Amino acid sequence: MNAEFPMLNTTLCYLEQGGKWLMLHRVTKKNDMNHDKWIGVGGKFERFESPEDCLLREVREETGLTLTNYRLRGIVTFLLGSLTEYMFLYTADGWTGELVKDAARNEGVLEWVPKGEVEALPVWEGDKIFFRLLKEDRPFFSLKLKYEGDDLTEAVLDGKLLPSSLRDATSLKEGG
């Protein structure tokens, strides 16, 4: 890896059940760039892992659940200063096991949140874009999000720049 321009691979998964997403309120980890934000479950790739390997391991570690039905929904590229992160975004609606709500294990607090209320929580601005894409059931997408600090400065969906008016729209379907 080029130390001057590091790259990171991660997964993120939103488990869905009864019109709700399983959300992780990141409140326990020190020096966490996601501190106080609500996100899905997931994490960094380990050596030799595929996206699916990472997804299954991270979900099991953070929730105690073993996924049985999941779908890759898109790839989100984050530009964060000199860091480039490639995040494989999944949703899942099938699993086995018992949900473990242990803040120390989960790096925060796990809660089932109605899908319609998620965007009102403290989430990253770019997350609101991919929540709309998930809601619209896009079969697959590539989303590039550029941040300066906590501010989203650029969003590119499937190679096309999203103007700020479309980033804030309720729908991302053709024509806004």
C-alpha atoms as a PDB file:
ATOM      1  CA  MET A   1       0.000   0.000   0.000  1.00  0.00           C
ATOM      2  CA  ASN A   2       1.219   3.469  -0.854  1.00  0.00           C
ATOM      3  CA  ALA A   3       1.649   5.183   2.536  1.00  0.00           C
ATOM      4  CA  GLU A   4       1.139   8.576   0.909  1.00  0.00           C
ATOM      5  CA  PHE A   5      -2.246   7.575  -0.557  1.00  0.00           C
ATOM      6  CA  PRO A   6      -3.603   4.689   1.564  1.00  0.00           C
ATOM      7  CA  MET A   7      -6.557   2.552   0.509  1.00  0.00           C
ATOM      8  CA  LEU A   8      -8.889   0.642   2.760  1.00  0.00           C
ATOM      9  CA  ASN A   9     -11.504  -2.032   1.984  1.00  0.00           C
ATOM     10  CA  THR A  10     -14.560  -2.380   4.219  1.00  0.00           C
ATOM     11  CA  THR A  11     -18.053  -3.825   4.306  1.00  0.00           C
ATOM     12  CA  LEU A  12     -21.261  -2.370   5.705  1.00  0.00           C
ATOM     13  CA  CYS A  13     -24.531  -4.228   6.098  1.00  0.00           C
ATOM     14  CA  TYR A  14     -28.053  -3.159   6.939  1.00  0.00           C
ATOM     15  CA  LEU A  15     -30.085  -6.047   8.306  1.00  0.00           C
ATOM     16  CA  GLU A  16     -33.765  -5.501   7.587  1.00  0.00           C
ATOM     17  CA  GLN A  17     -36.767  -6.884   9.395  1.00  0.00           C
ATOM     18  CA  GLY A  18     -40.354  -5.665   9.691  1.00  0.00           C
ATOM     19  CA  GLY A  19     -39.711  -2.344   7.944  1.00  0.00           C
ATOM     20  CA  LYS A  20     -36.711  -1.595  10.168  1.00  0.00           C
ATOM     21  CA  TRP A  21     -32.929  -1.446   9.738  1.00  0.00           C
ATOM     22  CA  LEU A  22     -30.558  -2.747  12.407  1.00  0.00           C
ATOM     23  CA  MET A  23     -28.479   0.323  13.250  1.00  0.00           C
ATOM     24  CA  LEU A  24     -25.352   0.685  15.360  1.00  0.00           C
ATOM     25  CA  HIS A  25     -25.067   3.895  17.382  1.00  0.00           C
ATOM     26  CA  ARG A  26     -21.286   4.344  17.651  1.00  0.00           C
ATOM     27  CA  VAL A  27     -20.771   5.610  21.192  1.00  0.00           C
ATOM     28  CA  THR A  28     -18.171   3.386  22.879  1.00  0.00           C
ATOM     29  CA  LYS A  29     -14.979   3.458  20.809  1.00  0.00           C
ATOM     30  CA  LYS A  30     -12.360   6.150  21.518  1.00  0.00           C
ATOM     31  CA  ASN A  31     -11.059   8.241  18.593  1.00  0.00           C
ATOM     32  CA  ASP A  32     -13.800   6.886  16.325  1.00  0.00           C
ATOM     33  CA  MET A  33     -14.468   8.882  13.148  1.00  0.00           C
ATOM     34  CA  ASN A  34     -18.046   7.548  13.385  1.00  0.00           C
ATOM     35  CA  HIS A  35     -18.487   8.585  17.035  1.00  0.00           C
ATOM     36  CA  ASP A  36     -22.136   9.486  17.815  1.00  0.00           C
ATOM     37  CA  LYS A  37     -23.200   8.507  14.268  1.00  0.00           C
ATOM     38  CA  TRP A  38     -25.692   5.757  13.434  1.00  0.00           C
ATOM     39  CA  ILE A  39     -24.399   3.258  10.871  1.00  0.00           C
ATOM     40  CA  GLY A  40     -24.895  -0.357   9.843  1.00  0.00           C
ATOM     41  CA  VAL A  41     -22.648  -3.208  10.962  1.00  0.00           C
ATOM     42  CA  GLY A  42     -19.401  -4.129   9.260  1.00  0.00           C
ATOM     43  CA  GLY A  43     -15.745  -3.326   9.257  1.00  0.00           C
ATOM     44  CA  LYS A  44     -12.327  -3.665   7.699  1.00  0.00           C
ATOM     45  CA  PHE A  45     -11.149  -6.555   5.574  1.00  0.00           C
ATOM     46  CA  GLU A  46      -8.649  -8.907   7.124  1.00  0.00           C
ATOM     47  CA  ARG A  47      -5.853 -10.514   5.144  1.00  0.00           C
ATOM     48  CA  PHE A  48      -7.027 -12.829   2.333  1.00  0.00           C
ATOM     49  CA  GLU A  49     -10.737 -12.015   2.846  1.00  0.00           C
ATOM     50  CA  SER A  50     -13.226 -11.529   0.044  1.00  0.00           C
ATOM     51  CA  PRO A  51     -16.032  -8.992   0.537  1.00  0.00           C
ATOM     52  CA  GLU A  52     -18.372 -11.856   1.529  1.00  0.00           C
ATOM     53  CA  ASP A  53     -15.848 -13.285   4.003  1.00  0.00           C
ATOM     54  CA  CYS A  54     -15.501  -9.872   5.656  1.00  0.00           C
ATOM     55  CA  LEU A  55     -19.268  -9.301   5.680  1.00  0.00           C
ATOM     56  CA  LEU A  56     -20.056 -12.637   7.326  1.00  0.00           C
ATOM     57  CA  ARG A  57     -17.264 -12.326   9.910  1.00  0.00           C
ATOM     58  CA  GLU A  58     -18.059  -8.728  10.848  1.00  0.00           C
ATOM     59  CA  VAL A  59     -21.806  -9.314  11.178  1.00  0.00           C
ATOM     60  CA  ARG A  60     -21.184 -12.401  13.335  1.00  0.00           C
ATOM     61  CA  GLU A  61     -18.655 -10.533  15.524  1.00  0.00           C
ATOM     62  CA  GLU A  62     -20.825  -7.437  15.993  1.00  0.00           C
ATOM     63  CA  THR A  63     -24.278  -9.024  16.299  1.00  0.00           C
ATOM     64  CA  GLY A  64     -23.874 -12.744  17.045  1.00  0.00           C
ATOM     65  CA  LEU A  65     -25.927 -13.488  13.898  1.00  0.00           C
ATOM     66  CA  THR A  66     -24.946 -15.692  10.956  1.00  0.00           C
ATOM     67  CA  LEU A  67     -26.295 -14.315   7.681  1.00  0.00           C
ATOM     68  CA  THR A  68     -28.197 -16.746   5.465  1.00  0.00           C
ATOM     69  CA  ASN A  69     -29.619 -14.296   2.885  1.00  0.00           C
ATOM     70  CA  TYR A  70     -27.770 -11.152   1.847  1.00  0.00           C
ATOM     71  CA  ARG A  71     -27.272  -9.040  -1.265  1.00  0.00           C
ATOM     72  CA  LEU A  72     -24.462  -6.772  -2.461  1.00  0.00           C
ATOM     73  CA  ARG A  73     -26.199  -3.484  -3.276  1.00  0.00           C
ATOM     74  CA  GLY A  74     -23.337  -1.264  -4.319  1.00  0.00           C
ATOM     75  CA  ILE A  75     -19.812  -0.039  -3.879  1.00  0.00           C
ATOM     76  CA  VAL A  76     -19.275   3.254  -2.116  1.00  0.00           C
ATOM     77  CA  THR A  77     -15.944   5.015  -2.591  1.00  0.00           C
ATOM     78  CA  PHE A  78     -15.081   7.465   0.167  1.00  0.00           C
ATOM     79  CA  LEU A  79     -12.442  10.130  -0.385  1.00  0.00           C
ATOM     80  CA  LEU A  80     -11.297  11.252   3.058  1.00  0.00           C
ATOM     81  CA  GLY A  81      -8.242  13.496   2.823  1.00  0.00           C
ATOM     82  CA  SER A  82      -5.485  11.286   1.385  1.00  0.00           C
ATOM     83  CA  LEU A  83      -7.392   8.064   2.260  1.00  0.00           C
ATOM     84  CA  THR A  84      -9.539   6.199  -0.265  1.00  0.00           C
ATOM     85  CA  GLU A  85     -11.983   3.693   1.237  1.00  0.00           C
ATOM     86  CA  TYR A  86     -13.895   1.180  -0.864  1.00  0.00           C
ATOM     87  CA  MET A  87     -16.969   0.024   1.030  1.00  0.00           C
ATOM     88  CA  PHE A  88     -19.026  -2.942  -0.173  1.00  0.00           C
ATOM     89  CA  LEU A  89     -22.607  -2.152   0.855  1.00  0.00           C
ATOM     90  CA  TYR A  90     -24.954  -5.051   1.632  1.00  0.00           C
ATOM     91  CA  THR A  91     -28.458  -5.624   2.889  1.00  0.00           C
ATOM     92  CA  ALA A  92     -29.595  -8.838   4.549  1.00  0.00           C
ATOM     93  CA  ASP A  93     -32.991 -10.261   5.424  1.00  0.00           C
ATOM     94  CA  GLY A  94     -32.100 -13.771   6.581  1.00  0.00           C
ATOM     95  CA  TRP A  95     -29.963 -14.985   9.480  1.00  0.00           C
ATOM     96  CA  THR A  96     -29.715 -17.495  12.281  1.00  0.00           C
ATOM     97  CA  GLY A  97     -28.726 -17.031  15.900  1.00  0.00           C
ATOM     98  CA  GLU A  98     -29.612 -14.613  18.665  1.00  0.00           C
ATOM     99  CA  LEU A  99     -28.916 -10.884  18.444  1.00  0.00           C
ATOM    100  CA  VAL A 100     -26.289  -9.939  21.030  1.00  0.00           C
ATOM    101  CA  LYS A 101     -26.724  -6.389  22.333  1.00  0.00           C
ATOM    102  CA  ASP A 102     -23.439  -5.925  24.146  1.00  0.00           C
ATOM    103  CA  ALA A 103     -22.130  -2.365  23.710  1.00  0.00           C
ATOM    104  CA  ALA A 104     -18.520  -3.436  24.325  1.00  0.00           C
ATOM    105  CA  ARG A 105     -18.742  -6.122  21.637  1.00  0.00           C
ATOM    106  CA  ASN A 106     -20.770  -3.966  19.241  1.00  0.00           C
ATOM    107  CA  GLU A 107     -18.654  -0.779  19.391  1.00  0.00           C
ATOM    108  CA  GLY A 108     -21.912   0.921  20.316  1.00  0.00           C
ATOM    109  CA  VAL A 109     -25.601   0.258  20.801  1.00  0.00           C
ATOM    110  CA  LEU A 110     -27.616  -1.886  18.361  1.00  0.00           C
ATOM    111  CA  GLU A 111     -31.224  -0.819  17.749  1.00  0.00           C
ATOM    112  CA  TRP A 112     -33.918  -1.689  15.238  1.00  0.00           C
ATOM    113  CA  VAL A 113     -34.930   1.646  13.676  1.00  0.00           C
ATOM    114  CA  PRO A 114     -37.929   2.158  11.338  1.00  0.00           C
ATOM    115  CA  LYS A 115     -36.555   2.841   7.845  1.00  0.00           C
ATOM    116  CA  GLY A 116     -38.490   6.103   7.603  1.00  0.00           C
ATOM    117  CA  GLU A 117     -36.776   7.468  10.723  1.00  0.00           C
ATOM    118  CA  VAL A 118     -33.166   6.619   9.884  1.00  0.00           C
ATOM    119  CA  GLU A 119     -32.361   9.816   7.972  1.00  0.00           C
ATOM    120  CA  ALA A 120     -33.450  11.926  10.973  1.00  0.00           C
ATOM    121  CA  LEU A 121     -30.737  10.311  13.117  1.00  0.00           C
ATOM    122  CA  PRO A 122     -27.182  11.652  13.213  1.00  0.00           C
ATOM    123  CA  VAL A 123     -25.911   9.908  10.061  1.00  0.00           C
ATOM    124  CA  TRP A 124     -23.336  10.948   7.490  1.00  0.00           C
ATOM    125  CA  GLU A 125     -24.781  13.094   4.674  1.00  0.00           C
ATOM    126  CA  GLY A 126     -23.614  10.589   2.070  1.00  0.00           C
ATOM    127  CA  ASP A 127     -25.413   7.784   3.902  1.00  0.00           C
ATOM    128  CA  LYS A 128     -28.688   9.574   3.176  1.00  0.00           C
ATOM    129  CA  ILE A 129     -27.938   9.173  -0.530  1.00  0.00           C
ATOM    130  CA  PHE A 130     -27.402   5.434  -0.349  1.00  0.00           C
ATOM    131  CA  PHE A 131     -30.439   5.001   1.931  1.00  0.00           C
ATOM    132  CA  ARG A 132     -32.527   6.539  -0.881  1.00  0.00           C
ATOM    133  CA  LEU A 133     -30.880   4.213  -3.419  1.00  0.00           C
ATOM    134  CA  LEU A 134     -31.724   1.220  -1.203  1.00  0.00           C
ATOM    135  CA  LYS A 135     -35.299   2.490  -0.795  1.00  0.00           C
ATOM    136  CA  GLU A 136     -35.617   2.786  -4.584  1.00  0.00           C
ATOM    137  CA  ASP A 137     -34.299  -0.795  -4.830  1.00  0.00           C
ATOM    138  CA  ARG A 138     -31.553   0.073  -7.294  1.00  0.00           C
ATOM    139  CA  PRO A 139     -30.159  -3.259  -8.474  1.00  0.00           C
ATOM    140  CA  PHE A 140     -26.538  -2.081  -8.092  1.00  0.00           C
ATOM    141  CA  PHE A 141     -24.787   1.266  -7.880  1.00  0.00           C
ATOM    142  CA  SER A 142     -21.393   2.899  -7.594  1.00  0.00           C
ATOM    143  CA  LEU A 143     -21.347   5.972  -5.381  1.00  0.00           C
ATOM    144  CA  LYS A 144     -18.308   8.183  -4.782  1.00  0.00           C
ATOM    145  CA  LEU A 145     -18.464  10.499  -1.761  1.00  0.00           C
ATOM    146  CA  LYS A 146     -15.821  13.140  -1.069  1.00  0.00           C
ATOM    147  CA  TYR A 147     -15.627  14.551   2.435  1.00  0.00           C
ATOM    148  CA  GLU A 148     -13.672  17.438   3.872  1.00  0.00           C
ATOM    149  CA  GLY A 149     -13.881  16.799   7.591  1.00  0.00           C
ATOM    150  CA  ASP A 150     -17.553  16.037   8.281  1.00  0.00           C
ATOM    151  CA  ASP A 151     -18.757  17.952   5.202  1.00  0.00           C
ATOM    152  CA  LEU A 152     -19.822  16.138   2.041  1.00  0.00           C
ATOM    153  CA  THR A 153     -18.316  18.189  -0.787  1.00  0.00           C
ATOM    154  CA  GLU A 154     -18.979  15.927  -3.779  1.00  0.00           C
ATOM    155  CA  ALA A 155     -21.202  12.995  -4.680  1.00  0.00           C
ATOM    156  CA  VAL A 156     -20.915  11.021  -7.908  1.00  0.00           C
ATOM    157  CA  LEU A 157     -23.498   8.329  -8.720  1.00  0.00           C
ATOM    158  CA  ASP A 158     -22.641   5.811 -11.438  1.00  0.00           C
ATOM    159  CA  GLY A 159     -20.074   8.228 -12.883  1.00  0.00           C
ATOM    160  CA  LYS A 160     -22.357  11.296 -12.891  1.00  0.00           C
ATOM    161  CA  LEU A 161     -21.910  14.233 -10.542  1.00  0.00           C
ATOM    162  CA  LEU A 162     -24.930  14.757  -8.297  1.00  0.00           C
ATOM    163  CA  PRO A 163     -25.675  18.455  -7.893  1.00  0.00           C
ATOM    164  CA  SER A 164     -26.365  19.458  -4.300  1.00  0.00           C
ATOM    165  CA  SER A 165     -30.082  19.894  -5.109  1.00  0.00           C
ATOM    166  CA  LEU A 166     -30.312  16.235  -6.166  1.00  0.00           C
ATOM    167  CA  ARG A 167     -28.209  15.078  -3.203  1.00  0.00           C
ATOM    168  CA  ASP A 168     -30.876  16.571  -0.935  1.00  0.00           C
ATOM    169  CA  ALA A 169     -33.858  15.312  -2.976  1.00  0.00           C
ATOM    170  CA  THR A 170     -36.140  12.614  -1.640  1.00  0.00           C
ATOM    171  CA  SER A 171     -35.624  10.496  -4.781  1.00  0.00           C
ATOM    172  CA  LEU A 172     -32.642   9.783  -6.975  1.00  0.00           C
ATOM    173  CA  LYS A 173     -34.610   8.235  -9.830  1.00  0.00           C
ATOM    174  CA  GLU A 174     -34.115   9.670 -13.292  1.00  0.00           C
ATOM    175  CA  GLY A 175     -35.104  13.309 -13.275  1.00  0.00           C
ATOM    176  CA  GLY A 176     -34.871  13.644  -9.452  1.00  0.00           C
END
